Amino acid sequence: MVKVQKLYSGQLVLTIPKRLAEYEGLKKGMDIEFKKHKEGFILHIRK
């Protein structure tokens, strides 16, 4: 499950499961692009 958290500074942060991040090869600080989809969002991971 992906969670949206709000930091004390007001910044929003997406939190994803560790296993999903490992499977996709995600690392801390990577850029991810959001694209609007008819029923939500599509994430495009820059590698």
C-alpha atoms as a PDB file:
ATOM      1  CA  MET A   1       0.000   0.000   0.000  1.00  0.00           C
ATOM      2  CA  VAL A   2       1.315   3.441  -0.923  1.00  0.00           C
ATOM      3  CA  LYS A   3       0.894   6.108   1.747  1.00  0.00           C
ATOM      4  CA  VAL A   4       1.012   9.887   1.559  1.00  0.00           C
ATOM      5  CA  GLN A   5       2.554  11.482   4.632  1.00  0.00           C
ATOM      6  CA  LYS A   6       2.836  15.156   5.556  1.00  0.00           C
ATOM      7  CA  LEU A   7       6.065  16.365   7.130  1.00  0.00           C
ATOM      8  CA  TYR A   8       6.250  19.134   9.730  1.00  0.00           C
ATOM      9  CA  SER A   9       7.433  21.472   6.958  1.00  0.00           C
ATOM     10  CA  GLY A  10       4.185  20.831   5.070  1.00  0.00           C
ATOM     11  CA  GLN A  11       5.898  18.761   2.369  1.00  0.00           C
ATOM     12  CA  LEU A  12       4.061  15.633   1.193  1.00  0.00           C
ATOM     13  CA  VAL A  13       6.003  12.382   0.881  1.00  0.00           C
ATOM     14  CA  LEU A  14       4.988   9.122  -0.835  1.00  0.00           C
ATOM     15  CA  THR A  15       5.919   5.976   1.048  1.00  0.00           C
ATOM     16  CA  ILE A  16       5.922   2.662  -0.810  1.00  0.00           C
ATOM     17  CA  PRO A  17       6.566  -0.869   0.445  1.00  0.00           C
ATOM     18  CA  LYS A  18      10.244  -1.836   0.722  1.00  0.00           C
ATOM     19  CA  ARG A  19       9.787  -4.992  -1.361  1.00  0.00           C
ATOM     20  CA  LEU A  20       8.235  -3.037  -4.217  1.00  0.00           C
ATOM     21  CA  ALA A  21      11.103  -0.524  -4.118  1.00  0.00           C
ATOM     22  CA  GLU A  22      13.680  -3.324  -4.155  1.00  0.00           C
ATOM     23  CA  TYR A  23      11.903  -5.076  -7.047  1.00  0.00           C
ATOM     24  CA  GLU A  24      11.874  -1.868  -9.108  1.00  0.00           C
ATOM     25  CA  GLY A  25      15.437  -0.938  -8.145  1.00  0.00           C
ATOM     26  CA  LEU A  26      14.397   2.291  -6.434  1.00  0.00           C
ATOM     27  CA  LYS A  27      16.848   4.166  -4.251  1.00  0.00           C
ATOM     28  CA  LYS A  28      16.381   7.013  -1.787  1.00  0.00           C
ATOM     29  CA  GLY A  29      16.153  10.380  -3.538  1.00  0.00           C
ATOM     30  CA  MET A  30      15.247   9.085  -7.026  1.00  0.00           C
ATOM     31  CA  ASP A  31      12.968  11.198  -9.227  1.00  0.00           C
ATOM     32  CA  ILE A  32       9.608   9.753 -10.209  1.00  0.00           C
ATOM     33  CA  GLU A  33       7.275  11.439 -12.714  1.00  0.00           C
ATOM     34  CA  PHE A  34       3.502  11.377 -12.285  1.00  0.00           C
ATOM     35  CA  LYS A  35       1.157  11.202 -15.235  1.00  0.00           C
ATOM     36  CA  LYS A  36      -2.600  11.596 -14.862  1.00  0.00           C
ATOM     37  CA  HIS A  37      -4.613   8.539 -15.854  1.00  0.00           C
ATOM     38  CA  LYS A  38      -8.378   8.305 -16.171  1.00  0.00           C
ATOM     39  CA  GLU A  39      -8.672   6.426 -12.865  1.00  0.00           C
ATOM     40  CA  GLY A  40      -5.631   7.746 -11.009  1.00  0.00           C
ATOM     41  CA  PHE A  41      -1.921   8.216 -11.677  1.00  0.00           C
ATOM     42  CA  ILE A  42       0.843   6.399 -13.535  1.00  0.00           C
ATOM     43  CA  LEU A  43       4.348   6.606 -12.102  1.00  0.00           C
ATOM     44  CA  HIS A  44       7.302   6.805 -14.487  1.00  0.00           C
ATOM     45  CA  ILE A  45      10.609   5.956 -12.806  1.00  0.00           C
ATOM     46  CA  ARG A  46      13.703   7.692 -14.175  1.00  0.00           C
ATOM     47  CA  LYS A  47      16.774   5.464 -14.075  1.00  0.00           C
END
